[in-house]
């Protein structure tokens, strides 16, 4: 089984190392030839994971066509804004029967669609799967224990991907709820900004726990409206990823919230992080979905307005605290 990992950022590099350590024949593609050449010579990803020595068996290439044509399975690990373009680029070289998986979280910013919808439209005959869950690339690269879940339109492909990734240090579970898995992986980034803002304003651990829990409520309500399964959002793809991203300072989205809560402007905060911060675009898509289903998501809405610089974090907090008292769960939600 030959796997090509497309995307040599921190997460793509970490997953390629997981596969190579499992004795899977793995190729890692990067878009910049000079960077790939440096990684091949030094056996390190100097920008993203400088302390990680790449396995000797891991092949690196800047030749996208060759990486795609030689693969039995593709694992795409690019930012969501580059996902659709990459699908177009690989179409001509994708062999019939090649499975297409991705570990990208977020929506397609141009259309607001889920990534699995783009894959199904572009490659309707291919088995497709998303790899998601609570997983910081740095800890995976270090070999620290991690659990993820693989959701697919094919039970066989889900098991195949999970088997390729699974080890004593990297547990991979399986599922078939691609909508729920993608919603959890995208929406947790928005909620992590809210939690980061609260922590940046030194509101305390009680506020953090309340923000995470009420954020999960918003995720569950939106999930129910679009056909996601509650058990998916209560599992690794939802609650697990939400807790990690809201509490772990390796999260770019949490760090963005922390900076905003401390009074740093949006542009400066994003520049200091130095990597793509998915929540900036994801918040708009989450709120479009919510409005199309007539849902009130106050935390996600507040994050959107803060990121649009329509209100300050302090104003957003005041609006949340001023909301009327009500039952924790509506009767309509409990019936679902």
C-alpha atoms as a PDB file:
ATOM      1  CA  UNK A   1       0.000   0.000   0.000  1.00  0.00           C
ATOM      2  CA  UNK A   2       1.479   3.319  -1.106  1.00  0.00           C
ATOM      3  CA  UNK A   3       0.270   6.531   0.537  1.00  0.00           C
ATOM      4  CA  UNK A   4       1.022  10.051  -0.638  1.00  0.00           C
ATOM      5  CA  UNK A   5       0.509  12.830   1.895  1.00  0.00           C
ATOM      6  CA  UNK A   6      -0.183  16.115   0.152  1.00  0.00           C
ATOM      7  CA  UNK A   7       0.890  19.082   2.246  1.00  0.00           C
ATOM      8  CA  UNK A   8       4.176  19.453   4.128  1.00  0.00           C
ATOM      9  CA  UNK A   9       3.045  21.745   6.919  1.00  0.00           C
ATOM     10  CA  UNK A  10       3.140  20.664  10.536  1.00  0.00           C
ATOM     11  CA  UNK A  11       0.133  18.334  10.405  1.00  0.00           C
ATOM     12  CA  UNK A  12       0.988  16.798   7.044  1.00  0.00           C
ATOM     13  CA  UNK A  13       4.558  16.157   8.160  1.00  0.00           C
ATOM     14  CA  UNK A  14       3.400  14.630  11.445  1.00  0.00           C
ATOM     15  CA  UNK A  15       0.929  12.285   9.735  1.00  0.00           C
ATOM     16  CA  UNK A  16       3.494  11.263   7.126  1.00  0.00           C
ATOM     17  CA  UNK A  17       5.810  10.326   9.979  1.00  0.00           C
ATOM     18  CA  UNK A  18       3.053   8.276  11.642  1.00  0.00           C
ATOM     19  CA  UNK A  19       2.563   6.322   8.429  1.00  0.00           C
ATOM     20  CA  UNK A  20       6.281   5.838   7.811  1.00  0.00           C
ATOM     21  CA  UNK A  21       6.824   4.650  11.390  1.00  0.00           C
ATOM     22  CA  UNK A  22       4.106   2.073  10.731  1.00  0.00           C
ATOM     23  CA  UNK A  23       6.164   0.759   7.795  1.00  0.00           C
ATOM     24  CA  UNK A  24       3.744   2.177   5.243  1.00  0.00           C
ATOM     25  CA  UNK A  25       5.435   3.207   1.997  1.00  0.00           C
ATOM     26  CA  UNK A  26       4.876   6.965   2.286  1.00  0.00           C
ATOM     27  CA  UNK A  27       5.632   9.981   0.114  1.00  0.00           C
ATOM     28  CA  UNK A  28       5.261  13.539   1.455  1.00  0.00           C
ATOM     29  CA  UNK A  29       4.594  16.227  -1.147  1.00  0.00           C
ATOM     30  CA  UNK A  30       5.394  19.888  -0.565  1.00  0.00           C
ATOM     31  CA  UNK A  31       4.587  22.704  -2.967  1.00  0.00           C
ATOM     32  CA  UNK A  32       7.924  24.566  -2.668  1.00  0.00           C
ATOM     33  CA  UNK A  33      10.836  22.711  -4.354  1.00  0.00           C
ATOM     34  CA  UNK A  34      13.499  24.572  -2.366  1.00  0.00           C
ATOM     35  CA  UNK A  35      11.838  23.689   0.945  1.00  0.00           C
ATOM     36  CA  UNK A  36      11.437  20.065  -0.081  1.00  0.00           C
ATOM     37  CA  UNK A  37      15.093  19.900  -1.125  1.00  0.00           C
ATOM     38  CA  UNK A  38      16.162  21.321   2.246  1.00  0.00           C
ATOM     39  CA  UNK A  39      13.946  18.820   4.084  1.00  0.00           C
ATOM     40  CA  UNK A  40      15.390  15.955   2.045  1.00  0.00           C
ATOM     41  CA  UNK A  41      18.935  16.990   2.886  1.00  0.00           C
ATOM     42  CA  UNK A  42      18.440  17.822   6.573  1.00  0.00           C
ATOM     43  CA  UNK A  43      15.706  15.232   7.273  1.00  0.00           C
ATOM     44  CA  UNK A  44      13.847  17.936   9.180  1.00  0.00           C
ATOM     45  CA  UNK A  45      10.968  20.321   8.591  1.00  0.00           C
ATOM     46  CA  UNK A  46      12.844  23.399   9.782  1.00  0.00           C
ATOM     47  CA  UNK A  47       9.869  25.761   9.683  1.00  0.00           C
ATOM     48  CA  UNK A  48       7.128  23.728  11.341  1.00  0.00           C
ATOM     49  CA  UNK A  49       8.708  20.845  13.272  1.00  0.00           C
ATOM     50  CA  UNK A  50      12.421  21.611  13.594  1.00  0.00           C
ATOM     51  CA  UNK A  51      13.028  19.115  16.421  1.00  0.00           C
ATOM     52  CA  UNK A  52      11.550  16.155  14.532  1.00  0.00           C
ATOM     53  CA  UNK A  53      13.899  13.886  12.603  1.00  0.00           C
ATOM     54  CA  UNK A  54      12.054  12.514   9.596  1.00  0.00           C
ATOM     55  CA  UNK A  55      12.049   8.716   9.248  1.00  0.00           C
ATOM     56  CA  UNK A  56      14.656   7.445   6.812  1.00  0.00           C
ATOM     57  CA  UNK A  57      11.981   5.581   4.853  1.00  0.00           C
ATOM     58  CA  UNK A  58       9.894   8.718   4.192  1.00  0.00           C
ATOM     59  CA  UNK A  59      10.202   9.960   0.611  1.00  0.00           C
ATOM     60  CA  UNK A  60       9.858  13.691  -0.085  1.00  0.00           C
ATOM     61  CA  UNK A  61       8.931  15.263  -3.405  1.00  0.00           C
ATOM     62  CA  UNK A  62       7.791  18.515  -5.000  1.00  0.00           C
ATOM     63  CA  UNK A  63       6.400  16.640  -8.024  1.00  0.00           C
ATOM     64  CA  UNK A  64       2.651  16.586  -7.402  1.00  0.00           C
ATOM     65  CA  UNK A  65       1.762  14.558 -10.483  1.00  0.00           C
ATOM     66  CA  UNK A  66       4.230  11.812  -9.558  1.00  0.00           C
ATOM     67  CA  UNK A  67       3.052  11.733  -5.937  1.00  0.00           C
ATOM     68  CA  UNK A  68      -0.577  11.342  -7.025  1.00  0.00           C
ATOM     69  CA  UNK A  69       0.030   8.837  -9.814  1.00  0.00           C
ATOM     70  CA  UNK A  70       2.063   6.504  -7.615  1.00  0.00           C
ATOM     71  CA  UNK A  71      -0.396   6.400  -4.707  1.00  0.00           C
ATOM     72  CA  UNK A  72      -3.002   3.849  -3.711  1.00  0.00           C
ATOM     73  CA  UNK A  73      -4.283   6.296  -1.103  1.00  0.00           C
ATOM     74  CA  UNK A  74      -4.024  10.090  -0.968  1.00  0.00           C
ATOM     75  CA  UNK A  75      -4.085  11.927   2.350  1.00  0.00           C
ATOM     76  CA  UNK A  76      -4.643  15.652   1.756  1.00  0.00           C
ATOM     77  CA  UNK A  77      -3.406  17.947   4.530  1.00  0.00           C
ATOM     78  CA  UNK A  78      -3.651  21.492   3.213  1.00  0.00           C
ATOM     79  CA  UNK A  79      -5.467  24.542   4.630  1.00  0.00           C
ATOM     80  CA  UNK A  80      -9.165  24.551   3.747  1.00  0.00           C
ATOM     81  CA  UNK A  81      -8.764  27.588   1.474  1.00  0.00           C
ATOM     82  CA  UNK A  82      -6.362  25.584  -0.738  1.00  0.00           C
ATOM     83  CA  UNK A  83      -8.359  22.351  -0.744  1.00  0.00           C
ATOM     84  CA  UNK A  84     -10.565  22.908  -3.807  1.00  0.00           C
ATOM     85  CA  UNK A  85      -7.655  24.105  -5.936  1.00  0.00           C
ATOM     86  CA  UNK A  86      -5.636  21.025  -5.023  1.00  0.00           C
ATOM     87  CA  UNK A  87      -8.511  18.739  -6.017  1.00  0.00           C
ATOM     88  CA  UNK A  88      -8.488  20.378  -9.448  1.00  0.00           C
ATOM     89  CA  UNK A  89      -4.717  19.922  -9.749  1.00  0.00           C
ATOM     90  CA  UNK A  90      -4.713  16.222  -8.907  1.00  0.00           C
ATOM     91  CA  UNK A  91      -7.705  15.192 -11.034  1.00  0.00           C
ATOM     92  CA  UNK A  92      -5.732  14.329 -14.164  1.00  0.00           C
ATOM     93  CA  UNK A  93      -3.258  12.076 -12.340  1.00  0.00           C
ATOM     94  CA  UNK A  94      -5.579  10.279  -9.915  1.00  0.00           C
ATOM     95  CA  UNK A  95      -5.710   6.573 -10.740  1.00  0.00           C
ATOM     96  CA  UNK A  96      -9.100   4.788 -10.715  1.00  0.00           C
ATOM     97  CA  UNK A  97      -9.590   3.112  -7.363  1.00  0.00           C
ATOM     98  CA  UNK A  98      -7.360   5.497  -5.432  1.00  0.00           C
ATOM     99  CA  UNK A  99      -8.864   6.374  -2.066  1.00  0.00           C
ATOM    100  CA  UNK A 100      -9.017  10.059  -1.144  1.00  0.00           C
ATOM    101  CA  UNK A 101      -8.695  11.022   2.520  1.00  0.00           C
ATOM    102  CA  UNK A 102      -8.010  14.356   4.153  1.00  0.00           C
ATOM    103  CA  UNK A 103      -7.045  15.730   7.542  1.00  0.00           C
ATOM    104  CA  UNK A 104      -8.060  19.290   6.662  1.00  0.00           C
ATOM    105  CA  UNK A 105     -10.569  20.952   8.991  1.00  0.00           C
ATOM    106  CA  UNK A 106     -12.925  23.688   7.908  1.00  0.00           C
ATOM    107  CA  UNK A 107     -15.244  24.574   5.045  1.00  0.00           C
ATOM    108  CA  UNK A 108     -14.520  25.604   1.482  1.00  0.00           C
ATOM    109  CA  UNK A 109     -14.447  29.398   1.928  1.00  0.00           C
ATOM    110  CA  UNK A 110     -15.514  30.130  -1.642  1.00  0.00           C
ATOM    111  CA  UNK A 111     -18.747  28.135  -1.479  1.00  0.00           C
ATOM    112  CA  UNK A 112     -19.305  27.457   2.222  1.00  0.00           C
ATOM    113  CA  UNK A 113     -19.617  23.745   1.456  1.00  0.00           C
ATOM    114  CA  UNK A 114     -18.230  20.840   3.432  1.00  0.00           C
ATOM    115  CA  UNK A 115     -15.034  19.383   2.018  1.00  0.00           C
ATOM    116  CA  UNK A 116     -16.571  15.946   1.562  1.00  0.00           C
ATOM    117  CA  UNK A 117     -19.090  17.539  -0.807  1.00  0.00           C
ATOM    118  CA  UNK A 118     -16.247  18.852  -2.974  1.00  0.00           C
ATOM    119  CA  UNK A 119     -14.581  15.428  -3.052  1.00  0.00           C
ATOM    120  CA  UNK A 120     -17.853  13.653  -3.915  1.00  0.00           C
ATOM    121  CA  UNK A 121     -18.471  16.091  -6.752  1.00  0.00           C
ATOM    122  CA  UNK A 122     -14.929  15.900  -8.149  1.00  0.00           C
ATOM    123  CA  UNK A 123     -14.291  12.180  -7.616  1.00  0.00           C
ATOM    124  CA  UNK A 124     -17.694  10.472  -7.382  1.00  0.00           C
ATOM    125  CA  UNK A 125     -16.221   6.986  -7.837  1.00  0.00           C
ATOM    126  CA  UNK A 126     -13.578   7.311  -5.116  1.00  0.00           C
ATOM    127  CA  UNK A 127     -13.865   6.140  -1.544  1.00  0.00           C
ATOM    128  CA  UNK A 128     -13.472   9.196   0.675  1.00  0.00           C
ATOM    129  CA  UNK A 129     -12.588   9.683   4.338  1.00  0.00           C
ATOM    130  CA  UNK A 130     -11.817  12.415   6.835  1.00  0.00           C
ATOM    131  CA  UNK A 131      -9.203  11.966   9.568  1.00  0.00           C
ATOM    132  CA  UNK A 132     -10.086  14.186  12.516  1.00  0.00           C
ATOM    133  CA  UNK A 133     -10.052  14.465  16.285  1.00  0.00           C
ATOM    134  CA  UNK A 134      -8.040  16.037  19.117  1.00  0.00           C
ATOM    135  CA  UNK A 135      -4.509  16.039  17.749  1.00  0.00           C
ATOM    136  CA  UNK A 136      -1.798  18.679  17.914  1.00  0.00           C
ATOM    137  CA  UNK A 137       0.827  18.030  15.248  1.00  0.00           C
ATOM    138  CA  UNK A 138       3.755  18.653  17.595  1.00  0.00           C
ATOM    139  CA  UNK A 139       2.620  15.997  20.067  1.00  0.00           C
ATOM    140  CA  UNK A 140       1.921  13.498  17.290  1.00  0.00           C
ATOM    141  CA  UNK A 141       5.398  14.141  15.884  1.00  0.00           C
ATOM    142  CA  UNK A 142       6.872  13.502  19.336  1.00  0.00           C
ATOM    143  CA  UNK A 143       5.102  10.146  19.522  1.00  0.00           C
ATOM    144  CA  UNK A 144       2.852  11.178  22.416  1.00  0.00           C
ATOM    145  CA  UNK A 145      -0.396   9.178  22.761  1.00  0.00           C
ATOM    146  CA  UNK A 146      -3.158  10.462  20.463  1.00  0.00           C
ATOM    147  CA  UNK A 147      -6.625   9.271  19.426  1.00  0.00           C
ATOM    148  CA  UNK A 148      -8.336  10.244  16.169  1.00  0.00           C
ATOM    149  CA  UNK A 149     -11.343   9.040  14.227  1.00  0.00           C
ATOM    150  CA  UNK A 150     -11.743   8.226  10.537  1.00  0.00           C
ATOM    151  CA  UNK A 151     -15.212   8.798   9.044  1.00  0.00           C
ATOM    152  CA  UNK A 152     -15.879   7.601   5.518  1.00  0.00           C
ATOM    153  CA  UNK A 153     -18.541   6.894   2.914  1.00  0.00           C
ATOM    154  CA  UNK A 154     -17.109   3.359   2.826  1.00  0.00           C
ATOM    155  CA  UNK A 155     -16.756   1.132   5.882  1.00  0.00           C
ATOM    156  CA  UNK A 156     -13.943  -0.712   4.127  1.00  0.00           C
ATOM    157  CA  UNK A 157     -11.989   2.459   3.391  1.00  0.00           C
ATOM    158  CA  UNK A 158     -12.521   3.761   6.922  1.00  0.00           C
ATOM    159  CA  UNK A 159     -11.003   0.563   8.301  1.00  0.00           C
ATOM    160  CA  UNK A 160      -8.184   0.692   5.756  1.00  0.00           C
ATOM    161  CA  UNK A 161      -7.227   4.257   6.675  1.00  0.00           C
ATOM    162  CA  UNK A 162      -7.502   3.507  10.376  1.00  0.00           C
ATOM    163  CA  UNK A 163      -5.288   0.442  10.008  1.00  0.00           C
ATOM    164  CA  UNK A 164      -2.649   2.428   8.126  1.00  0.00           C
ATOM    165  CA  UNK A 165      -2.507   5.034  10.884  1.00  0.00           C
ATOM    166  CA  UNK A 166      -3.132   2.928  13.984  1.00  0.00           C
ATOM    167  CA  UNK A 167      -0.320   2.084  16.417  1.00  0.00           C
ATOM    168  CA  UNK A 168       0.255   1.803  20.138  1.00  0.00           C
ATOM    169  CA  UNK A 169       0.821   5.579  20.235  1.00  0.00           C
ATOM    170  CA  UNK A 170      -1.743   6.682  17.642  1.00  0.00           C
ATOM    171  CA  UNK A 171      -5.181   5.141  18.051  1.00  0.00           C
ATOM    172  CA  UNK A 172      -7.526   5.441  15.073  1.00  0.00           C
ATOM    173  CA  UNK A 173     -11.244   4.743  15.433  1.00  0.00           C
ATOM    174  CA  UNK A 174     -13.797   4.574  12.604  1.00  0.00           C
ATOM    175  CA  UNK A 175     -17.219   5.993  11.801  1.00  0.00           C
ATOM    176  CA  UNK A 176     -19.557   6.858   8.944  1.00  0.00           C
ATOM    177  CA  UNK A 177     -20.867  10.322   9.870  1.00  0.00           C
ATOM    178  CA  UNK A 178     -18.890  12.596   7.582  1.00  0.00           C
ATOM    179  CA  UNK A 179     -21.175  15.588   8.178  1.00  0.00           C
ATOM    180  CA  UNK A 180     -20.767  15.375  11.955  1.00  0.00           C
ATOM    181  CA  UNK A 181     -17.035  14.755  11.743  1.00  0.00           C
ATOM    182  CA  UNK A 182     -16.495  17.772   9.512  1.00  0.00           C
ATOM    183  CA  UNK A 183     -18.802  20.044  11.495  1.00  0.00           C
ATOM    184  CA  UNK A 184     -17.001  19.232  14.744  1.00  0.00           C
ATOM    185  CA  UNK A 185     -13.570  19.802  13.234  1.00  0.00           C
ATOM    186  CA  UNK A 186     -14.598  23.150  11.775  1.00  0.00           C
ATOM    187  CA  UNK A 187     -16.827  24.621  14.463  1.00  0.00           C
ATOM    188  CA  UNK A 188     -14.471  23.905  17.357  1.00  0.00           C
ATOM    189  CA  UNK A 189     -12.101  26.505  15.892  1.00  0.00           C
ATOM    190  CA  UNK A 190     -14.738  29.215  16.236  1.00  0.00           C
ATOM    191  CA  UNK A 191     -15.531  28.213  19.810  1.00  0.00           C
ATOM    192  CA  UNK A 192     -11.820  28.114  20.690  1.00  0.00           C
ATOM    193  CA  UNK A 193     -11.585  31.802  19.851  1.00  0.00           C
ATOM    194  CA  UNK A 194     -14.381  32.523  22.332  1.00  0.00           C
ATOM    195  CA  UNK A 195     -12.671  30.525  25.072  1.00  0.00           C
ATOM    196  CA  UNK A 196      -9.346  32.167  24.293  1.00  0.00           C
ATOM    197  CA  UNK A 197     -10.943  35.596  24.575  1.00  0.00           C
ATOM    198  CA  UNK A 198     -12.371  34.694  27.997  1.00  0.00           C
ATOM    199  CA  UNK A 199      -8.969  33.472  29.177  1.00  0.00           C
ATOM    200  CA  UNK A 200      -7.227  36.490  27.679  1.00  0.00           C
ATOM    201  CA  UNK A 201      -9.564  38.673  29.743  1.00  0.00           C
ATOM    202  CA  UNK A 202      -8.729  36.614  32.879  1.00  0.00           C
ATOM    203  CA  UNK A 203     -12.344  35.628  33.486  1.00  0.00           C
ATOM    204  CA  UNK A 204     -11.404  32.431  35.311  1.00  0.00           C
ATOM    205  CA  UNK A 205     -11.773  28.670  34.994  1.00  0.00           C
ATOM    206  CA  UNK A 206     -15.520  28.730  35.682  1.00  0.00           C
ATOM    207  CA  UNK A 207     -16.052  30.953  32.647  1.00  0.00           C
ATOM    208  CA  UNK A 208     -13.855  28.697  30.526  1.00  0.00           C
ATOM    209  CA  UNK A 209     -15.854  25.590  31.451  1.00  0.00           C
ATOM    210  CA  UNK A 210     -19.129  27.385  30.849  1.00  0.00           C
ATOM    211  CA  UNK A 211     -17.975  28.646  27.456  1.00  0.00           C
ATOM    212  CA  UNK A 212     -16.891  25.159  26.329  1.00  0.00           C
ATOM    213  CA  UNK A 213     -20.131  23.555  27.503  1.00  0.00           C
ATOM    214  CA  UNK A 214     -22.420  26.126  25.965  1.00  0.00           C
ATOM    215  CA  UNK A 215     -20.311  26.019  22.820  1.00  0.00           C
ATOM    216  CA  UNK A 216     -20.878  22.272  22.646  1.00  0.00           C
ATOM    217  CA  UNK A 217     -24.609  22.965  22.944  1.00  0.00           C
ATOM    218  CA  UNK A 218     -24.404  25.212  19.880  1.00  0.00           C
ATOM    219  CA  UNK A 219     -22.481  22.532  17.994  1.00  0.00           C
ATOM    220  CA  UNK A 220     -25.081  19.896  18.873  1.00  0.00           C
ATOM    221  CA  UNK A 221     -28.001  22.101  17.853  1.00  0.00           C
ATOM    222  CA  UNK A 222     -26.444  22.982  14.501  1.00  0.00           C
ATOM    223  CA  UNK A 223     -25.497  19.348  14.006  1.00  0.00           C
ATOM    224  CA  UNK A 224     -29.069  18.190  14.611  1.00  0.00           C
ATOM    225  CA  UNK A 225     -30.322  20.710  12.043  1.00  0.00           C
ATOM    226  CA  UNK A 226     -28.003  19.522   9.264  1.00  0.00           C
ATOM    227  CA  UNK A 227     -28.184  15.781   9.893  1.00  0.00           C
ATOM    228  CA  UNK A 228     -25.101  15.090  12.016  1.00  0.00           C
ATOM    229  CA  UNK A 229     -25.255  12.421  14.687  1.00  0.00           C
ATOM    230  CA  UNK A 230     -25.115  13.528  18.306  1.00  0.00           C
ATOM    231  CA  UNK A 231     -22.750  10.673  19.206  1.00  0.00           C
ATOM    232  CA  UNK A 232     -20.233  11.941  16.647  1.00  0.00           C
ATOM    233  CA  UNK A 233     -20.264  15.412  18.179  1.00  0.00           C
ATOM    234  CA  UNK A 234     -19.992  13.931  21.683  1.00  0.00           C
ATOM    235  CA  UNK A 235     -16.953  11.923  20.570  1.00  0.00           C
ATOM    236  CA  UNK A 236     -13.448  12.582  19.311  1.00  0.00           C
ATOM    237  CA  UNK A 237     -14.501  14.647  16.286  1.00  0.00           C
ATOM    238  CA  UNK A 238     -16.618  17.009  18.385  1.00  0.00           C
ATOM    239  CA  UNK A 239     -16.179  17.182  22.156  1.00  0.00           C
ATOM    240  CA  UNK A 240     -12.642  15.776  22.079  1.00  0.00           C
ATOM    241  CA  UNK A 241     -11.384  18.277  19.527  1.00  0.00           C
ATOM    242  CA  UNK A 242     -13.347  21.077  21.188  1.00  0.00           C
ATOM    243  CA  UNK A 243     -11.761  20.524  24.605  1.00  0.00           C
ATOM    244  CA  UNK A 244      -8.253  20.289  23.157  1.00  0.00           C
ATOM    245  CA  UNK A 245      -8.569  23.376  20.994  1.00  0.00           C
ATOM    246  CA  UNK A 246     -10.218  25.465  23.706  1.00  0.00           C
ATOM    247  CA  UNK A 247      -7.670  24.622  26.406  1.00  0.00           C
ATOM    248  CA  UNK A 248      -4.378  23.876  24.631  1.00  0.00           C
ATOM    249  CA  UNK A 249      -2.062  26.778  23.859  1.00  0.00           C
ATOM    250  CA  UNK A 250      -0.731  24.983  20.772  1.00  0.00           C
ATOM    251  CA  UNK A 251      -4.070  25.875  19.150  1.00  0.00           C
ATOM    252  CA  UNK A 252      -3.778  28.802  16.738  1.00  0.00           C
ATOM    253  CA  UNK A 253      -7.452  29.652  17.213  1.00  0.00           C
ATOM    254  CA  UNK A 254      -7.162  29.724  21.002  1.00  0.00           C
ATOM    255  CA  UNK A 255      -4.038  31.892  20.710  1.00  0.00           C
ATOM    256  CA  UNK A 256      -5.971  34.283  18.472  1.00  0.00           C
ATOM    257  CA  UNK A 257      -8.665  34.556  21.135  1.00  0.00           C
ATOM    258  CA  UNK A 258      -6.089  35.081  23.867  1.00  0.00           C
ATOM    259  CA  UNK A 259      -4.548  37.944  21.902  1.00  0.00           C
ATOM    260  CA  UNK A 260      -7.914  39.568  21.218  1.00  0.00           C
ATOM    261  CA  UNK A 261      -8.880  39.227  24.872  1.00  0.00           C
ATOM    262  CA  UNK A 262      -5.675  41.031  25.845  1.00  0.00           C
ATOM    263  CA  UNK A 263      -6.542  43.934  23.562  1.00  0.00           C
ATOM    264  CA  UNK A 264      -4.325  43.100  20.561  1.00  0.00           C
ATOM    265  CA  UNK A 265      -5.857  43.952  17.173  1.00  0.00           C
ATOM    266  CA  UNK A 266      -6.961  41.215  14.762  1.00  0.00           C
ATOM    267  CA  UNK A 267      -4.379  41.851  12.038  1.00  0.00           C
ATOM    268  CA  UNK A 268      -1.505  41.998  14.508  1.00  0.00           C
ATOM    269  CA  UNK A 269      -2.700  38.855  16.296  1.00  0.00           C
ATOM    270  CA  UNK A 270      -2.933  36.844  13.062  1.00  0.00           C
ATOM    271  CA  UNK A 271       0.467  38.128  11.925  1.00  0.00           C
ATOM    272  CA  UNK A 272       2.084  37.094  15.216  1.00  0.00           C
ATOM    273  CA  UNK A 273       0.661  33.571  14.938  1.00  0.00           C
ATOM    274  CA  UNK A 274       2.269  33.298  11.512  1.00  0.00           C
ATOM    275  CA  UNK A 275       0.030  30.483  10.199  1.00  0.00           C
ATOM    276  CA  UNK A 276      -3.462  30.145   8.792  1.00  0.00           C
ATOM    277  CA  UNK A 277      -6.113  30.705  11.480  1.00  0.00           C
ATOM    278  CA  UNK A 278      -9.138  28.804  10.196  1.00  0.00           C
ATOM    279  CA  UNK A 279     -11.713  30.449  12.470  1.00  0.00           C
ATOM    280  CA  UNK A 280     -11.503  33.802  10.676  1.00  0.00           C
ATOM    281  CA  UNK A 281     -13.342  32.345   7.660  1.00  0.00           C
ATOM    282  CA  UNK A 282     -15.135  29.464   9.402  1.00  0.00           C
ATOM    283  CA  UNK A 283     -17.186  31.757  11.646  1.00  0.00           C
ATOM    284  CA  UNK A 284     -18.960  33.240   8.621  1.00  0.00           C
ATOM    285  CA  UNK A 285     -19.854  29.805   7.250  1.00  0.00           C
ATOM    286  CA  UNK A 286     -21.105  28.545  10.615  1.00  0.00           C
ATOM    287  CA  UNK A 287     -23.385  31.564  10.942  1.00  0.00           C
ATOM    288  CA  UNK A 288     -24.696  31.196   7.380  1.00  0.00           C
ATOM    289  CA  UNK A 289     -25.637  27.609   8.195  1.00  0.00           C
ATOM    290  CA  UNK A 290     -27.221  28.654  11.474  1.00  0.00           C
ATOM    291  CA  UNK A 291     -29.318  31.393   9.874  1.00  0.00           C
ATOM    292  CA  UNK A 292     -30.465  29.095   7.076  1.00  0.00           C
ATOM    293  CA  UNK A 293     -31.909  26.788   9.754  1.00  0.00           C
ATOM    294  CA  UNK A 294     -33.279  29.552  11.963  1.00  0.00           C
ATOM    295  CA  UNK A 295     -30.842  28.879  14.815  1.00  0.00           C
ATOM    296  CA  UNK A 296     -29.615  31.343  17.411  1.00  0.00           C
ATOM    297  CA  UNK A 297     -25.960  30.591  18.212  1.00  0.00           C
ATOM    298  CA  UNK A 298     -24.887  33.455  20.493  1.00  0.00           C
ATOM    299  CA  UNK A 299     -21.281  32.357  21.055  1.00  0.00           C
ATOM    300  CA  UNK A 300     -20.549  31.700  17.389  1.00  0.00           C
ATOM    301  CA  UNK A 301     -22.345  34.926  16.453  1.00  0.00           C
ATOM    302  CA  UNK A 302     -20.306  36.911  18.944  1.00  0.00           C
ATOM    303  CA  UNK A 303     -17.064  35.452  17.597  1.00  0.00           C
ATOM    304  CA  UNK A 304     -18.080  36.354  14.058  1.00  0.00           C
ATOM    305  CA  UNK A 305     -18.819  39.952  15.041  1.00  0.00           C
ATOM    306  CA  UNK A 306     -15.542  40.270  16.958  1.00  0.00           C
ATOM    307  CA  UNK A 307     -13.581  38.854  14.004  1.00  0.00           C
ATOM    308  CA  UNK A 308     -15.365  41.297  11.702  1.00  0.00           C
ATOM    309  CA  UNK A 309     -14.373  44.019  14.190  1.00  0.00           C
ATOM    310  CA  UNK A 310     -18.003  45.073  14.555  1.00  0.00           C
ATOM    311  CA  UNK A 311     -17.753  44.798  18.357  1.00  0.00           C
ATOM    312  CA  UNK A 312     -14.934  44.489  20.864  1.00  0.00           C
ATOM    313  CA  UNK A 313     -14.424  41.295  22.898  1.00  0.00           C
ATOM    314  CA  UNK A 314     -15.628  43.155  26.000  1.00  0.00           C
ATOM    315  CA  UNK A 315     -18.833  44.180  24.215  1.00  0.00           C
ATOM    316  CA  UNK A 316     -19.379  40.626  23.047  1.00  0.00           C
ATOM    317  CA  UNK A 317     -18.991  39.345  26.599  1.00  0.00           C
ATOM    318  CA  UNK A 318     -21.489  41.880  27.921  1.00  0.00           C
ATOM    319  CA  UNK A 319     -24.025  40.793  25.311  1.00  0.00           C
ATOM    320  CA  UNK A 320     -23.632  37.128  26.291  1.00  0.00           C
ATOM    321  CA  UNK A 321     -24.038  37.862  29.992  1.00  0.00           C
ATOM    322  CA  UNK A 322     -27.075  40.057  29.381  1.00  0.00           C
ATOM    323  CA  UNK A 323     -29.058  37.324  27.626  1.00  0.00           C
ATOM    324  CA  UNK A 324     -32.290  36.270  29.284  1.00  0.00           C
ATOM    325  CA  UNK A 325     -32.406  33.296  31.648  1.00  0.00           C
ATOM    326  CA  UNK A 326     -33.789  30.116  30.069  1.00  0.00           C
ATOM    327  CA  UNK A 327     -33.722  26.290  30.295  1.00  0.00           C
ATOM    328  CA  UNK A 328     -30.388  24.681  29.471  1.00  0.00           C
ATOM    329  CA  UNK A 329     -31.973  22.604  26.659  1.00  0.00           C
ATOM    330  CA  UNK A 330     -35.106  23.404  24.697  1.00  0.00           C
ATOM    331  CA  UNK A 331     -37.869  20.808  24.513  1.00  0.00           C
ATOM    332  CA  UNK A 332     -37.470  20.652  20.734  1.00  0.00           C
ATOM    333  CA  UNK A 333     -33.781  19.801  21.106  1.00  0.00           C
ATOM    334  CA  UNK A 334     -34.524  17.133  23.734  1.00  0.00           C
ATOM    335  CA  UNK A 335     -37.077  15.484  21.423  1.00  0.00           C
ATOM    336  CA  UNK A 336     -34.413  15.186  18.745  1.00  0.00           C
END
